[in-house]
Amino acid sequence: MNLKSTFFGFFLLITSLGNAQNYIIDFSATGAASSISSVTVENLTKNTTLNLSRNQSVRLIGTSGIISEDNLQTIIRIYPNPATKGYTIAHIYPFFSGNSVLTVYDATGKTEAQTSSYLGTYPQEFRISGLKNGIHFLVISGKYFRYSSRFIVVSNTSSAAKIERTGSENFVEDTESTENYESDPSSIINMAYTDGDRLKFTGRSGKFATVVTDIPDKSKTIDFRFVECTDADSNNYPVVVIGSQVWMAENLRTTRYSDGKYISSPGTDNNLWNNYFTGAYSWYKNSPESFKNTYGALYNWYAVNSGNLCPRGWRIPDDKD
């Protein structure tokens, strides 16, 4: 084995950085409500979900490549470095929360110590000990992130190499490396994102809900246009703006017309349905408990053509729509 080339290849792996972009997404409200109570962000490409509370924004963190030592800022700090007393402390303040694996490698890429731990988006620290003289690498891997940092040990020890979680009480945040808009870090929540991912934003304010889909390529403000959409059964529906049109974002599940009159339900008898010449509805597999909220109700043509099926202010779309 060529030790020199192996080390060089490993070092390139540790210090590479993709061209991922980070974007800040803020939110505003217009229409029937002027404030936002919560936002759900769904990455439809990665199948991940993030829930935000009032006045929180989302930072979309690019996930291509590995974050290098020069770009760590407040992610990883290791000291003393060089380690002269047989141990060193790694302070970790990650962009993401989640289950992680912390691994220490030597210069040849051999694993020296490893541990699993949940990392939150707050300062935490780990004690690394039992390492021999030389260059070492700490690599932190999660589902959508990978951080790394290099450190040096100049004191031999006879104990086994290990990584131990110790706490975060001695951590001092470097405010100079914090971006200006982060005066309140808790107001910005991080989410893994790769350019081209399709996101679904659902904003809520009381009984109102609006859906917006987007593929962000820059920082922006998502505006939720809240619109009244409540049927005669008092079911509230989210809406989605498509171009200049506003559509319901869920299937109708009312059992009453907009004037309050009940819609008939012949049940599951096919003969009754075939000879029913008035408005009627049913549930998928005749099981409202299982499918009402997922699929809504199933209506015959007479109910659809009544002119009173939709919530007040809404109508059945036509071919032109």
Protein backbone atom coordinates (compact mmCIF):
# COMPACT_ATOMS: atom_id res chain seq x y z
CA MET A 1 0.00 0.00 0.00
CA ASN A 2 1.22 3.49 -0.86
CA LEU A 3 0.70 5.24 2.50
CA LYS A 4 1.37 8.71 1.12
CA SER A 5 -1.24 8.46 -1.65
CA THR A 6 -3.78 6.88 0.72
CA PHE A 7 -3.43 9.76 3.18
CA PHE A 8 -3.65 12.35 0.40
CA GLY A 9 -6.83 10.77 -1.01
CA PHE A 10 -8.44 10.67 2.45
CA PHE A 11 -7.52 14.28 3.12
CA LEU A 12 -9.20 15.34 -0.14
CA LEU A 13 -12.34 13.49 0.94
CA ILE A 14 -12.38 15.24 4.30
CA THR A 15 -11.84 18.75 2.94
CA SER A 16 -14.01 18.67 -0.19
CA LEU A 17 -17.02 20.99 -0.35
CA GLY A 18 -19.87 20.89 -2.85
CA ASN A 19 -21.40 23.96 -4.42
CA ALA A 20 -24.55 23.73 -2.32
CA GLN A 21 -26.43 26.95 -1.60
CA ASN A 22 -28.13 28.07 1.60
CA TYR A 23 -31.40 30.02 1.38
CA ILE A 24 -33.54 31.75 3.99
CA ILE A 25 -37.30 31.37 3.44
CA ASP A 26 -39.55 33.82 5.31
CA PHE A 27 -43.34 33.85 5.35
CA SER A 28 -46.09 36.45 5.15
CA ALA A 29 -49.91 36.39 5.27
CA THR A 30 -52.52 38.21 3.18
CA GLY A 31 -56.23 37.87 2.54
CA ALA A 32 -58.59 36.60 5.24
CA ALA A 33 -55.84 36.51 7.90
CA SER A 34 -52.89 38.81 8.56
CA SER A 35 -50.78 36.50 10.72
CA ILE A 36 -49.43 32.94 10.55
CA SER A 37 -49.84 30.48 13.41
CA SER A 38 -47.75 27.64 11.95
CA VAL A 39 -46.04 26.43 8.78
CA THR A 40 -45.34 22.87 7.65
CA VAL A 41 -42.50 22.48 5.15
CA GLU A 42 -42.42 19.20 3.21
CA ASN A 43 -39.50 18.32 0.97
CA LEU A 44 -41.37 16.23 -1.60
CA THR A 45 -38.10 15.11 -3.19
CA LYS A 46 -36.41 13.91 0.01
CA ASN A 47 -39.69 12.95 1.77
CA THR A 48 -38.83 14.99 4.89
CA THR A 49 -41.04 17.32 6.94
CA LEU A 50 -40.34 20.32 9.17
CA ASN A 51 -42.90 22.04 11.42
CA LEU A 52 -42.42 25.73 12.20
CA SER A 53 -44.23 27.79 14.80
CA ARG A 54 -45.27 31.42 14.69
CA ASN A 55 -42.65 33.87 13.33
CA GLN A 56 -40.09 31.16 12.50
CA SER A 57 -38.25 30.99 9.18
CA VAL A 58 -36.50 28.07 7.51
CA ARG A 59 -32.87 27.99 6.38
CA LEU A 60 -32.43 25.56 3.50
CA ILE A 61 -28.98 24.08 3.98
CA GLY A 62 -27.28 22.70 0.86
CA THR A 63 -26.28 19.08 1.39
CA SER A 64 -24.02 18.28 -1.55
CA GLY A 65 -20.42 17.60 -0.55
CA ILE A 66 -18.71 17.60 2.86
CA ILE A 67 -18.26 20.77 4.88
CA SER A 68 -14.53 21.49 5.15
CA GLU A 69 -12.56 22.72 8.14
CA ASP A 70 -12.28 26.22 6.68
CA ASN A 71 -16.09 26.43 6.41
CA LEU A 72 -17.01 25.02 9.82
CA GLN A 73 -17.46 28.33 11.69
CA THR A 74 -19.49 27.24 14.73
CA ILE A 75 -20.10 23.64 13.60
CA ILE A 76 -17.01 21.98 15.12
CA ARG A 77 -14.25 23.40 17.33
CA ILE A 78 -11.54 21.17 18.73
CA TYR A 79 -9.20 22.27 21.53
CA PRO A 80 -6.61 22.04 22.73
CA ASN A 81 -5.23 21.50 19.24
CA PRO A 82 -2.55 20.17 19.29
CA ALA A 83 -3.69 17.95 22.16
CA THR A 84 -0.85 17.69 24.68
CA LYS A 85 -2.52 16.00 27.66
CA GLY A 86 -3.87 12.82 26.13
CA TYR A 87 -7.30 14.22 25.28
CA THR A 88 -9.05 17.02 23.43
CA ILE A 89 -12.57 18.49 23.49
CA ALA A 90 -14.80 18.77 20.41
CA HIS A 91 -17.48 21.47 20.65
CA ILE A 92 -20.23 20.78 18.11
CA TYR A 93 -22.99 23.17 17.04
CA PRO A 94 -24.58 21.56 13.94
CA PHE A 95 -26.90 23.04 11.33
CA PHE A 96 -29.23 20.03 11.64
CA SER A 97 -30.59 17.91 14.45
CA GLY A 98 -30.76 14.15 14.20
CA ASN A 99 -29.11 10.82 14.95
CA SER A 100 -25.39 10.98 14.14
CA VAL A 101 -22.27 8.85 14.10
CA LEU A 102 -19.02 10.43 15.33
CA THR A 103 -15.86 8.73 14.06
CA VAL A 104 -12.16 9.48 14.61
CA TYR A 105 -9.80 8.33 11.83
CA ASP A 106 -6.01 8.28 11.75
CA ALA A 107 -3.99 9.59 8.82
CA THR A 108 -4.35 6.32 6.89
CA GLY A 109 -8.13 6.32 7.13
CA LYS A 110 -8.29 3.64 9.83
CA THR A 111 -11.13 3.99 12.35
CA GLU A 112 -9.77 4.66 15.85
CA ALA A 113 -12.94 5.42 17.82
CA GLN A 114 -16.62 5.72 17.09
CA THR A 115 -19.86 6.52 18.92
CA SER A 116 -23.51 7.23 18.05
CA SER A 117 -25.36 10.20 19.51
CA TYR A 118 -28.33 12.44 18.87
CA LEU A 119 -27.19 15.96 17.97
CA GLY A 120 -29.46 18.96 18.43
CA THR A 121 -29.07 22.38 16.85
CA TYR A 122 -27.44 23.74 20.00
CA PRO A 123 -23.91 23.56 21.49
CA GLN A 124 -22.75 20.19 22.81
CA GLU A 125 -19.33 18.72 23.54
CA PHE A 126 -17.46 15.42 23.37
CA ARG A 127 -14.17 14.33 24.96
CA ILE A 128 -11.79 12.46 22.65
CA SER A 129 -9.02 10.53 24.38
CA GLY A 130 -6.60 7.62 24.02
CA LEU A 131 -5.11 8.67 20.68
CA LYS A 132 -1.49 8.29 19.64
CA ASN A 133 0.84 10.96 18.26
CA GLY A 134 -0.11 12.19 14.80
CA ILE A 135 -2.85 13.74 12.67
CA HIS A 136 -6.43 12.65 13.27
CA PHE A 137 -9.80 13.46 11.74
CA LEU A 138 -13.19 13.79 13.42
CA VAL A 139 -16.06 13.05 11.02
CA ILE A 140 -19.72 13.52 12.01
CA SER A 141 -22.27 11.84 9.74
CA GLY A 142 -26.06 12.08 9.70
CA LYS A 143 -28.80 11.32 7.21
CA TYR A 144 -28.38 14.59 5.30
CA PHE A 145 -25.08 16.01 6.54
CA ARG A 146 -21.42 15.23 7.04
CA TYR A 147 -19.02 17.49 8.96
CA SER A 148 -15.31 16.99 9.52
CA SER A 149 -12.35 18.59 11.27
CA ARG A 150 -8.63 17.79 11.61
CA PHE A 151 -6.61 17.88 14.81
CA ILE A 152 -3.17 16.84 16.07
CA VAL A 153 -2.13 14.77 19.07
CA VAL A 154 1.43 15.20 20.48
CA SER A 155 1.20 13.04 23.59
CA ASN A 156 1.10 9.25 23.75
CA THR A 157 -1.33 7.43 26.01
CA SER A 158 -1.79 3.79 26.99
CA SER A 159 -5.60 4.00 27.30
CA ALA A 160 -8.03 2.89 24.59
CA ALA A 161 -9.25 5.49 22.12
CA LYS A 162 -12.79 6.64 22.82
CA ILE A 163 -15.32 9.43 22.29
CA GLU A 164 -17.46 10.45 25.26
CA ARG A 165 -20.29 12.99 25.45
CA THR A 166 -19.55 15.40 28.29
CA GLY A 167 -21.92 18.38 28.04
CA SER A 168 -22.03 21.94 26.75
CA GLU A 169 -21.59 24.18 29.78
CA ASN A 170 -18.19 25.59 28.70
CA PHE A 171 -19.20 26.49 25.17
CA VAL A 172 -18.87 30.15 24.17
CA GLU A 173 -20.49 31.10 20.90
CA ASP A 174 -18.43 33.12 18.44
CA THR A 175 -20.85 35.91 17.65
CA GLU A 176 -18.56 37.30 14.94
CA SER A 177 -19.25 34.26 12.76
CA THR A 178 -23.02 34.55 13.16
CA GLU A 179 -24.91 36.17 10.30
CA ASN A 180 -26.64 39.46 10.97
CA TYR A 181 -30.18 38.12 10.58
CA GLU A 182 -29.61 35.56 13.34
CA SER A 183 -30.06 37.85 16.33
CA ASP A 184 -32.53 35.21 17.52
CA PRO A 185 -31.18 31.83 16.31
CA SER A 186 -34.32 30.02 17.45
CA SER A 187 -36.33 31.96 14.86
CA ILE A 188 -34.50 30.19 12.01
CA ILE A 189 -34.82 26.41 11.71
CA ASN A 190 -32.51 24.43 9.42
CA MET A 191 -33.62 21.92 6.82
CA ALA A 192 -31.59 19.80 4.41
CA TYR A 193 -32.01 20.93 0.81
CA THR A 194 -30.46 20.20 -2.57
CA ASP A 195 -31.00 22.60 -5.46
CA GLY A 196 -33.94 21.33 -7.50
CA ASP A 197 -35.85 19.81 -4.57
CA ARG A 198 -39.58 20.53 -4.70
CA LEU A 199 -40.99 21.91 -1.44
CA LYS A 200 -44.58 22.11 -0.25
CA PHE A 201 -45.35 24.90 2.25
CA THR A 202 -48.62 24.76 4.22
CA GLY A 203 -49.36 27.92 6.17
CA ARG A 204 -52.08 28.03 8.82
CA SER A 205 -53.88 30.80 10.65
CA GLY A 206 -56.79 29.69 12.81
CA LYS A 207 -59.24 27.84 10.54
CA PHE A 208 -57.46 29.01 7.38
CA ALA A 209 -54.78 27.05 5.53
CA THR A 210 -52.98 27.73 2.25
CA VAL A 211 -50.60 25.52 0.28
CA VAL A 212 -47.71 26.84 -1.82
CA THR A 213 -45.27 24.67 -3.78
CA ASP A 214 -41.90 25.96 -4.90
CA ILE A 215 -38.39 24.94 -5.97
CA PRO A 216 -36.33 27.67 -4.25
CA ASP A 217 -33.19 28.94 -5.97
CA LYS A 218 -32.67 31.98 -3.73
CA SER A 219 -33.77 33.46 -0.42
CA LYS A 220 -37.37 34.66 -0.62
CA THR A 221 -40.64 35.31 1.19
CA ILE A 222 -43.50 32.86 0.68
CA ASP A 223 -46.84 34.67 0.85
CA PHE A 224 -49.83 32.69 2.10
CA ARG A 225 -53.04 34.10 0.64
CA PHE A 226 -55.67 32.94 3.12
CA VAL A 227 -59.16 32.37 1.71
CA GLU A 228 -62.37 31.27 3.45
CA CYS A 229 -63.25 27.69 2.47
CA THR A 230 -65.71 26.10 4.92
CA ASP A 231 -68.52 23.71 3.98
CA ALA A 232 -71.95 23.28 5.60
CA ASP A 233 -70.52 20.59 7.93
CA SER A 234 -67.99 23.18 9.19
CA ASN A 235 -65.06 21.36 7.55
CA ASN A 236 -62.30 23.83 6.78
CA TYR A 237 -60.19 23.20 3.67
CA PRO A 238 -56.73 24.43 2.76
CA VAL A 239 -56.43 26.22 -0.56
CA VAL A 240 -53.68 26.39 -3.16
CA VAL A 241 -53.01 29.23 -5.59
CA ILE A 242 -52.18 27.98 -9.11
CA GLY A 243 -51.42 30.88 -11.40
CA SER A 244 -54.28 33.35 -10.91
CA GLN A 245 -56.72 30.69 -9.70
CA VAL A 246 -57.48 29.55 -6.16
CA TRP A 247 -58.30 25.85 -5.77
CA MET A 248 -59.28 23.69 -2.83
CA ALA A 249 -56.24 21.66 -1.75
CA GLU A 250 -58.30 18.74 -0.38
CA ASN A 251 -61.26 16.74 -1.65
CA LEU A 252 -64.73 17.80 -0.54
CA ARG A 253 -66.18 15.74 2.33
CA THR A 254 -69.42 17.50 3.16
CA THR A 255 -72.66 15.60 3.82
CA ARG A 256 -74.78 18.72 3.31
CA TYR A 257 -75.36 21.21 0.52
CA SER A 258 -74.28 24.81 1.02
CA ASP A 259 -77.89 25.71 1.95
CA GLY A 260 -77.72 23.25 4.87
CA LYS A 261 -79.90 20.49 3.36
CA TYR A 262 -78.58 16.96 3.83
CA ILE A 263 -77.36 14.95 0.84
CA SER A 264 -78.81 11.45 0.54
CA SER A 265 -76.60 8.40 1.06
CA PRO A 266 -77.91 5.14 -0.48
CA GLY A 267 -75.09 3.14 1.12
CA THR A 268 -73.47 0.30 -0.84
CA ASP A 269 -76.48 -1.15 -2.71
CA ASN A 270 -75.61 -0.92 -6.42
CA ASN A 271 -79.22 -1.30 -7.48
CA LEU A 272 -80.19 1.75 -5.42
CA TRP A 273 -77.33 3.77 -6.93
CA ASN A 274 -78.23 2.77 -10.48
CA ASN A 275 -81.80 3.95 -9.97
CA TYR A 276 -81.07 7.02 -7.87
CA PHE A 277 -82.01 10.21 -9.70
CA THR A 278 -81.23 12.73 -6.98
CA GLY A 279 -78.06 13.94 -5.32
CA ALA A 280 -76.18 11.32 -3.29
CA TYR A 281 -72.82 10.64 -1.70
CA SER A 282 -70.84 7.71 -0.34
CA TRP A 283 -67.47 6.98 1.26
CA TYR A 284 -64.64 4.96 -0.21
CA LYS A 285 -65.11 1.33 0.92
CA ASN A 286 -68.05 2.68 2.93
CA SER A 287 -65.59 3.56 5.68
CA PRO A 288 -65.60 7.25 6.65
CA GLU A 289 -63.47 6.50 9.72
CA SER A 290 -60.60 5.30 7.52
CA PHE A 291 -60.96 7.32 4.33
CA LYS A 292 -63.02 10.48 4.89
CA ASN A 293 -60.05 12.77 5.56
CA THR A 294 -57.85 11.07 2.96
CA TYR A 295 -60.19 10.87 -0.06
CA GLY A 296 -63.20 12.95 0.87
CA ALA A 297 -66.68 11.84 -0.20
CA LEU A 298 -67.79 10.34 -3.52
CA TYR A 299 -70.69 12.23 -5.15
CA ASN A 300 -72.97 11.33 -8.03
CA TRP A 301 -73.67 13.66 -10.93
CA TYR A 302 -76.92 14.92 -9.47
CA ALA A 303 -75.14 16.22 -6.37
CA VAL A 304 -72.34 17.76 -8.43
CA ASN A 305 -74.80 19.43 -10.81
CA SER A 306 -77.00 20.83 -8.02
CA GLY A 307 -75.12 24.12 -7.85
CA ASN A 308 -75.08 23.86 -4.05
CA LEU A 309 -72.43 21.24 -3.41
CA CYS A 310 -69.42 23.50 -2.92
CA PRO A 311 -68.83 25.77 0.07
CA ARG A 312 -70.37 29.23 -0.28
CA GLY A 313 -68.30 31.34 -2.64
CA TRP A 314 -66.90 28.29 -4.44
CA ARG A 315 -67.98 26.42 -7.56
CA ILE A 316 -67.37 23.22 -9.52
CA PRO A 317 -64.58 23.80 -12.11
CA ASP A 318 -65.49 23.56 -15.78
CA ASP A 319 -63.50 22.63 -18.89
CA LYS A 320 -62.30 26.23 -19.26
CA ASP A 321 -60.78 26.12 -15.77
